[in-house]
Amino acid sequence: MFLLSHISRRTTASPSASLDSEPLFPKLWFAKWKWIHYDASGDLAYCHICINGLKTDKIKVSIGHAGESTFISGGFWNWKDATRCFNKHEASLLHKAAVDAVITVPKPV
């Protein structure tokens, strides 16, 4: 499985967008979906929280999460359906588990 070796949030517009048109990957998406990592060289989006969870062994991907692999290893590219797919990923059990494991601070005992 391919995992990003460098996790960061890029803020450049999609290279496939023309100068006269709206970028395929608008910067405002970073404000709405803070987990997005945009790879401008491949014109792909990933979930940096889920990738971090996998790289640190805080979460595991099972067969039931196969549909979520796009945001972890393959890269998301279907820009016409992006907002629906971003919302679906954000609501997924895998993403919620990653948020709990990677971001949520443990409560003191």
N, C-alpha and C. Protein backbone atom coordinates (compact mmCIF):
# COMPACT_ATOMS: atom_id res chain seq x y z
N MET A 1 0.84 -1.17 0.00
CA MET A 1 0.00 0.00 0.00
C MET A 1 0.89 1.24 0.00
N PHE A 2 0.60 2.19 -0.84
CA PHE A 2 1.35 3.43 -0.94
C PHE A 2 0.87 4.38 0.14
N LEU A 3 1.78 4.92 0.89
CA LEU A 3 1.46 5.95 1.86
C LEU A 3 2.35 7.15 1.60
N LEU A 4 1.83 8.31 1.80
CA LEU A 4 2.64 9.51 1.59
C LEU A 4 3.78 9.53 2.59
N SER A 5 4.96 9.80 2.11
CA SER A 5 6.11 9.87 3.02
C SER A 5 6.18 11.22 3.70
N HIS A 6 5.60 12.24 3.09
CA HIS A 6 5.62 13.58 3.66
C HIS A 6 4.18 14.06 3.75
N ILE A 7 3.70 14.25 4.94
CA ILE A 7 2.32 14.68 5.13
C ILE A 7 2.31 16.18 5.38
N SER A 8 1.68 16.90 4.48
CA SER A 8 1.54 18.34 4.65
C SER A 8 0.28 18.76 3.93
N ARG A 9 -0.14 19.98 4.16
CA ARG A 9 -1.32 20.50 3.49
C ARG A 9 -0.87 21.50 2.46
N ARG A 10 -1.04 21.17 1.22
CA ARG A 10 -0.62 22.07 0.14
C ARG A 10 -1.74 23.06 -0.12
N THR A 11 -1.36 24.21 -0.58
CA THR A 11 -2.35 25.26 -0.82
C THR A 11 -2.32 25.75 -2.26
N THR A 12 -1.73 25.01 -3.14
CA THR A 12 -1.68 25.44 -4.53
C THR A 12 -2.92 24.95 -5.28
N ALA A 13 -3.29 25.67 -6.29
CA ALA A 13 -4.44 25.27 -7.10
C ALA A 13 -4.05 24.10 -7.99
N SER A 14 -5.04 23.42 -8.47
CA SER A 14 -4.83 22.26 -9.32
C SER A 14 -4.08 22.64 -10.59
N PRO A 15 -3.03 21.87 -10.95
CA PRO A 15 -2.28 22.20 -12.16
C PRO A 15 -3.10 21.96 -13.43
N SER A 16 -4.16 21.16 -13.34
CA SER A 16 -4.94 20.87 -14.53
C SER A 16 -5.97 21.96 -14.83
N ALA A 17 -6.13 22.89 -13.91
CA ALA A 17 -7.07 23.99 -14.16
C ALA A 17 -6.40 25.05 -15.03
N SER A 18 -7.16 25.60 -15.94
CA SER A 18 -6.59 26.65 -16.79
C SER A 18 -6.55 27.96 -16.02
N LEU A 19 -5.77 28.90 -16.50
CA LEU A 19 -5.64 30.19 -15.84
C LEU A 19 -6.94 30.98 -15.87
N ASP A 20 -7.79 30.72 -16.86
CA ASP A 20 -9.03 31.46 -17.00
C ASP A 20 -10.20 30.84 -16.26
N SER A 21 -10.04 29.64 -15.73
CA SER A 21 -11.16 28.96 -15.09
C SER A 21 -10.94 28.83 -13.59
N GLU A 22 -11.99 28.45 -12.90
CA GLU A 22 -11.92 28.18 -11.47
C GLU A 22 -11.04 26.95 -11.26
N PRO A 23 -10.13 26.98 -10.31
CA PRO A 23 -9.30 25.80 -10.06
C PRO A 23 -10.16 24.60 -9.71
N LEU A 24 -9.72 23.41 -10.10
CA LEU A 24 -10.45 22.20 -9.78
C LEU A 24 -10.38 21.91 -8.29
N PHE A 25 -9.34 22.36 -7.63
CA PHE A 25 -9.19 22.18 -6.20
C PHE A 25 -9.12 23.56 -5.54
N PRO A 26 -10.27 24.12 -5.19
CA PRO A 26 -10.28 25.46 -4.59
C PRO A 26 -9.64 25.46 -3.20
N LYS A 27 -8.88 26.50 -2.91
CA LYS A 27 -8.22 26.63 -1.61
C LYS A 27 -9.21 26.65 -0.46
N LEU A 28 -10.42 27.12 -0.70
CA LEU A 28 -11.41 27.20 0.37
C LEU A 28 -11.78 25.83 0.93
N TRP A 29 -11.50 24.77 0.19
CA TRP A 29 -11.77 23.41 0.71
C TRP A 29 -10.91 23.11 1.92
N PHE A 30 -9.72 23.72 2.03
CA PHE A 30 -8.88 23.50 3.20
C PHE A 30 -9.55 24.00 4.48
N ALA A 31 -10.35 25.06 4.36
CA ALA A 31 -11.04 25.59 5.53
C ALA A 31 -12.19 24.69 5.96
N LYS A 32 -12.88 24.11 5.01
CA LYS A 32 -14.03 23.25 5.33
C LYS A 32 -13.61 21.86 5.77
N TRP A 33 -12.63 21.27 5.08
CA TRP A 33 -12.16 19.91 5.38
C TRP A 33 -10.68 20.03 5.77
N LYS A 34 -10.43 20.22 7.05
CA LYS A 34 -9.08 20.49 7.53
C LYS A 34 -8.16 19.28 7.42
N TRP A 35 -8.69 18.12 7.13
CA TRP A 35 -7.91 16.89 7.01
C TRP A 35 -7.32 16.70 5.61
N ILE A 36 -7.67 17.55 4.67
CA ILE A 36 -7.24 17.36 3.29
C ILE A 36 -5.76 17.67 3.10
N HIS A 37 -5.12 16.80 2.38
CA HIS A 37 -3.77 17.02 1.88
C HIS A 37 -3.91 17.02 0.36
N TYR A 38 -3.45 18.06 -0.30
CA TYR A 38 -3.54 18.13 -1.76
C TYR A 38 -2.15 17.97 -2.36
N ASP A 39 -2.01 16.97 -3.22
CA ASP A 39 -0.76 16.71 -3.93
C ASP A 39 -0.89 17.34 -5.32
N ALA A 40 -0.32 18.52 -5.48
CA ALA A 40 -0.44 19.25 -6.74
C ALA A 40 0.24 18.52 -7.89
N SER A 41 1.31 17.80 -7.62
CA SER A 41 2.02 17.12 -8.71
C SER A 41 1.17 16.01 -9.33
N GLY A 42 0.32 15.39 -8.54
CA GLY A 42 -0.53 14.33 -9.08
C GLY A 42 -1.98 14.75 -9.22
N ASP A 43 -2.32 15.98 -8.78
CA ASP A 43 -3.68 16.49 -8.79
C ASP A 43 -4.59 15.54 -8.01
N LEU A 44 -4.15 15.16 -6.80
CA LEU A 44 -4.85 14.20 -5.97
C LEU A 44 -5.03 14.74 -4.55
N ALA A 45 -6.11 14.32 -3.90
CA ALA A 45 -6.35 14.68 -2.50
C ALA A 45 -6.27 13.43 -1.64
N TYR A 46 -5.76 13.62 -0.42
CA TYR A 46 -5.63 12.54 0.55
C TYR A 46 -6.13 13.03 1.90
N CYS A 47 -6.34 12.10 2.82
CA CYS A 47 -6.68 12.44 4.21
C CYS A 47 -5.43 12.30 5.06
N HIS A 48 -4.85 13.41 5.48
CA HIS A 48 -3.61 13.33 6.24
C HIS A 48 -3.84 12.74 7.63
N ILE A 49 -5.04 12.84 8.18
CA ILE A 49 -5.32 12.25 9.50
C ILE A 49 -5.34 10.73 9.40
N CYS A 50 -6.01 10.19 8.40
CA CYS A 50 -6.06 8.73 8.23
C CYS A 50 -4.68 8.18 7.89
N ILE A 51 -3.94 8.86 7.06
CA ILE A 51 -2.58 8.42 6.71
C ILE A 51 -1.70 8.42 7.95
N ASN A 52 -1.79 9.47 8.75
CA ASN A 52 -1.02 9.54 9.98
C ASN A 52 -1.40 8.39 10.92
N GLY A 53 -2.69 8.11 11.04
CA GLY A 53 -3.14 7.01 11.89
C GLY A 53 -2.60 5.67 11.45
N LEU A 54 -2.53 5.44 10.15
CA LEU A 54 -1.97 4.19 9.63
C LEU A 54 -0.47 4.12 9.82
N LYS A 55 0.21 5.22 9.53
CA LYS A 55 1.68 5.22 9.63
C LYS A 55 2.16 5.03 11.06
N THR A 56 1.37 5.47 12.02
CA THR A 56 1.74 5.34 13.43
C THR A 56 1.09 4.14 14.10
N ASP A 57 0.44 3.30 13.29
CA ASP A 57 -0.24 2.09 13.78
C ASP A 57 -1.31 2.37 14.82
N LYS A 58 -1.92 3.54 14.75
CA LYS A 58 -3.01 3.88 15.66
C LYS A 58 -4.35 3.39 15.15
N ILE A 59 -4.45 3.16 13.82
CA ILE A 59 -5.66 2.58 13.23
C ILE A 59 -5.24 1.51 12.23
N LYS A 60 -6.16 0.63 11.92
CA LYS A 60 -5.94 -0.43 10.94
C LYS A 60 -7.05 -0.34 9.90
N VAL A 61 -6.71 -0.64 8.66
CA VAL A 61 -7.70 -0.65 7.59
C VAL A 61 -8.11 -2.10 7.36
N SER A 62 -9.41 -2.36 7.42
CA SER A 62 -9.91 -3.70 7.18
C SER A 62 -10.62 -3.75 5.83
N ILE A 63 -11.05 -4.93 5.46
CA ILE A 63 -11.76 -5.10 4.18
C ILE A 63 -12.99 -4.21 4.13
N GLY A 64 -13.64 -4.00 5.25
CA GLY A 64 -14.82 -3.15 5.31
C GLY A 64 -14.54 -1.68 5.01
N HIS A 65 -13.27 -1.30 5.06
CA HIS A 65 -12.87 0.09 4.78
C HIS A 65 -12.31 0.26 3.38
N ALA A 66 -12.49 -0.74 2.54
CA ALA A 66 -11.87 -0.72 1.21
C ALA A 66 -12.21 0.54 0.42
N GLY A 67 -13.42 1.04 0.55
CA GLY A 67 -13.81 2.23 -0.18
C GLY A 67 -13.09 3.48 0.27
N GLU A 68 -12.53 3.45 1.46
CA GLU A 68 -11.82 4.61 1.99
C GLU A 68 -10.37 4.67 1.54
N SER A 69 -9.88 3.64 0.89
CA SER A 69 -8.48 3.60 0.48
C SER A 69 -8.12 4.73 -0.49
N THR A 70 -9.10 5.26 -1.17
CA THR A 70 -8.86 6.39 -2.08
C THR A 70 -8.19 7.54 -1.36
N PHE A 71 -8.63 7.84 -0.16
CA PHE A 71 -8.10 8.97 0.60
C PHE A 71 -6.82 8.63 1.35
N ILE A 72 -6.41 7.36 1.29
CA ILE A 72 -5.22 6.92 2.01
C ILE A 72 -4.09 6.57 1.06
N SER A 73 -4.39 5.83 0.02
CA SER A 73 -3.31 5.35 -0.84
C SER A 73 -3.48 5.70 -2.31
N GLY A 74 -4.67 5.69 -2.83
CA GLY A 74 -4.85 5.93 -4.25
C GLY A 74 -4.88 7.39 -4.65
N GLY A 75 -5.44 8.19 -3.77
CA GLY A 75 -5.61 9.61 -4.07
C GLY A 75 -6.95 9.87 -4.71
N PHE A 76 -7.65 10.88 -4.23
CA PHE A 76 -8.96 11.25 -4.76
C PHE A 76 -8.78 12.23 -5.90
N TRP A 77 -9.54 12.03 -6.99
CA TRP A 77 -9.39 12.90 -8.15
C TRP A 77 -10.71 13.28 -8.82
N ASN A 78 -11.84 12.76 -8.37
CA ASN A 78 -13.14 13.01 -9.00
C ASN A 78 -13.69 14.36 -8.55
N TRP A 79 -13.14 15.44 -9.07
CA TRP A 79 -13.45 16.78 -8.58
C TRP A 79 -14.91 17.17 -8.74
N LYS A 80 -15.60 16.64 -9.73
CA LYS A 80 -17.02 16.99 -9.92
C LYS A 80 -17.88 16.48 -8.77
N ASP A 81 -17.44 15.43 -8.09
CA ASP A 81 -18.19 14.83 -7.00
C ASP A 81 -17.46 15.00 -5.66
N ALA A 82 -16.54 15.97 -5.62
CA ALA A 82 -15.64 16.11 -4.48
C ALA A 82 -16.37 16.39 -3.17
N THR A 83 -17.25 17.36 -3.14
CA THR A 83 -17.85 17.73 -1.86
C THR A 83 -18.65 16.57 -1.26
N ARG A 84 -19.37 15.84 -2.08
CA ARG A 84 -20.12 14.68 -1.57
C ARG A 84 -19.16 13.63 -1.03
N CYS A 85 -18.11 13.35 -1.76
CA CYS A 85 -17.14 12.33 -1.34
C CYS A 85 -16.35 12.78 -0.11
N PHE A 86 -16.01 14.05 -0.01
CA PHE A 86 -15.32 14.55 1.18
C PHE A 86 -16.21 14.40 2.41
N ASN A 87 -17.49 14.75 2.27
CA ASN A 87 -18.42 14.60 3.39
C ASN A 87 -18.58 13.13 3.77
N LYS A 88 -18.66 12.27 2.78
CA LYS A 88 -18.80 10.83 3.04
C LYS A 88 -17.57 10.31 3.78
N HIS A 89 -16.38 10.69 3.33
CA HIS A 89 -15.17 10.25 4.02
C HIS A 89 -15.14 10.76 5.46
N GLU A 90 -15.47 12.02 5.64
CA GLU A 90 -15.44 12.62 6.96
C GLU A 90 -16.40 11.91 7.93
N ALA A 91 -17.50 11.37 7.41
CA ALA A 91 -18.48 10.67 8.23
C ALA A 91 -18.17 9.17 8.39
N SER A 92 -17.14 8.69 7.70
CA SER A 92 -16.83 7.26 7.73
C SER A 92 -16.28 6.82 9.09
N LEU A 93 -16.50 5.56 9.42
CA LEU A 93 -15.99 5.00 10.67
C LEU A 93 -14.47 5.05 10.72
N LEU A 94 -13.82 4.80 9.60
CA LEU A 94 -12.36 4.83 9.55
C LEU A 94 -11.84 6.23 9.89
N HIS A 95 -12.40 7.24 9.28
CA HIS A 95 -11.95 8.62 9.53
C HIS A 95 -12.22 9.01 10.98
N LYS A 96 -13.38 8.66 11.50
CA LYS A 96 -13.70 8.99 12.89
C LYS A 96 -12.74 8.30 13.85
N ALA A 97 -12.38 7.04 13.54
CA ALA A 97 -11.41 6.33 14.38
C ALA A 97 -10.05 7.01 14.31
N ALA A 98 -9.66 7.47 13.12
CA ALA A 98 -8.38 8.16 12.97
C ALA A 98 -8.37 9.46 13.75
N VAL A 99 -9.45 10.22 13.69
CA VAL A 99 -9.55 11.47 14.43
C VAL A 99 -9.42 11.18 15.93
N ASP A 100 -10.14 10.16 16.41
CA ASP A 100 -10.05 9.80 17.83
C ASP A 100 -8.63 9.39 18.22
N ALA A 101 -7.98 8.63 17.36
CA ALA A 101 -6.65 8.09 17.68
C ALA A 101 -5.53 9.10 17.50
N VAL A 102 -5.65 9.97 16.51
CA VAL A 102 -4.56 10.88 16.17
C VAL A 102 -4.72 12.25 16.79
N ILE A 103 -5.93 12.77 16.84
CA ILE A 103 -6.14 14.15 17.24
C ILE A 103 -6.67 14.28 18.65
N THR A 104 -7.63 13.46 19.03
CA THR A 104 -8.27 13.59 20.32
C THR A 104 -7.26 13.31 21.44
N VAL A 105 -7.15 14.23 22.34
CA VAL A 105 -6.22 14.09 23.46
C VAL A 105 -6.85 13.16 24.50
N PRO A 106 -6.07 12.16 24.98
CA PRO A 106 -6.63 11.26 26.00
C PRO A 106 -7.01 12.03 27.27
N LYS A 107 -8.11 11.59 27.89
CA LYS A 107 -8.56 12.21 29.12
C LYS A 107 -7.76 11.65 30.30
N PRO A 108 -7.37 12.51 31.22
CA PRO A 108 -6.60 12.02 32.38
C PRO A 108 -7.45 11.07 33.21
N VAL A 109 -6.79 10.12 33.83
CA VAL A 109 -7.50 9.12 34.65
C VAL A 109 -7.56 9.57 36.06
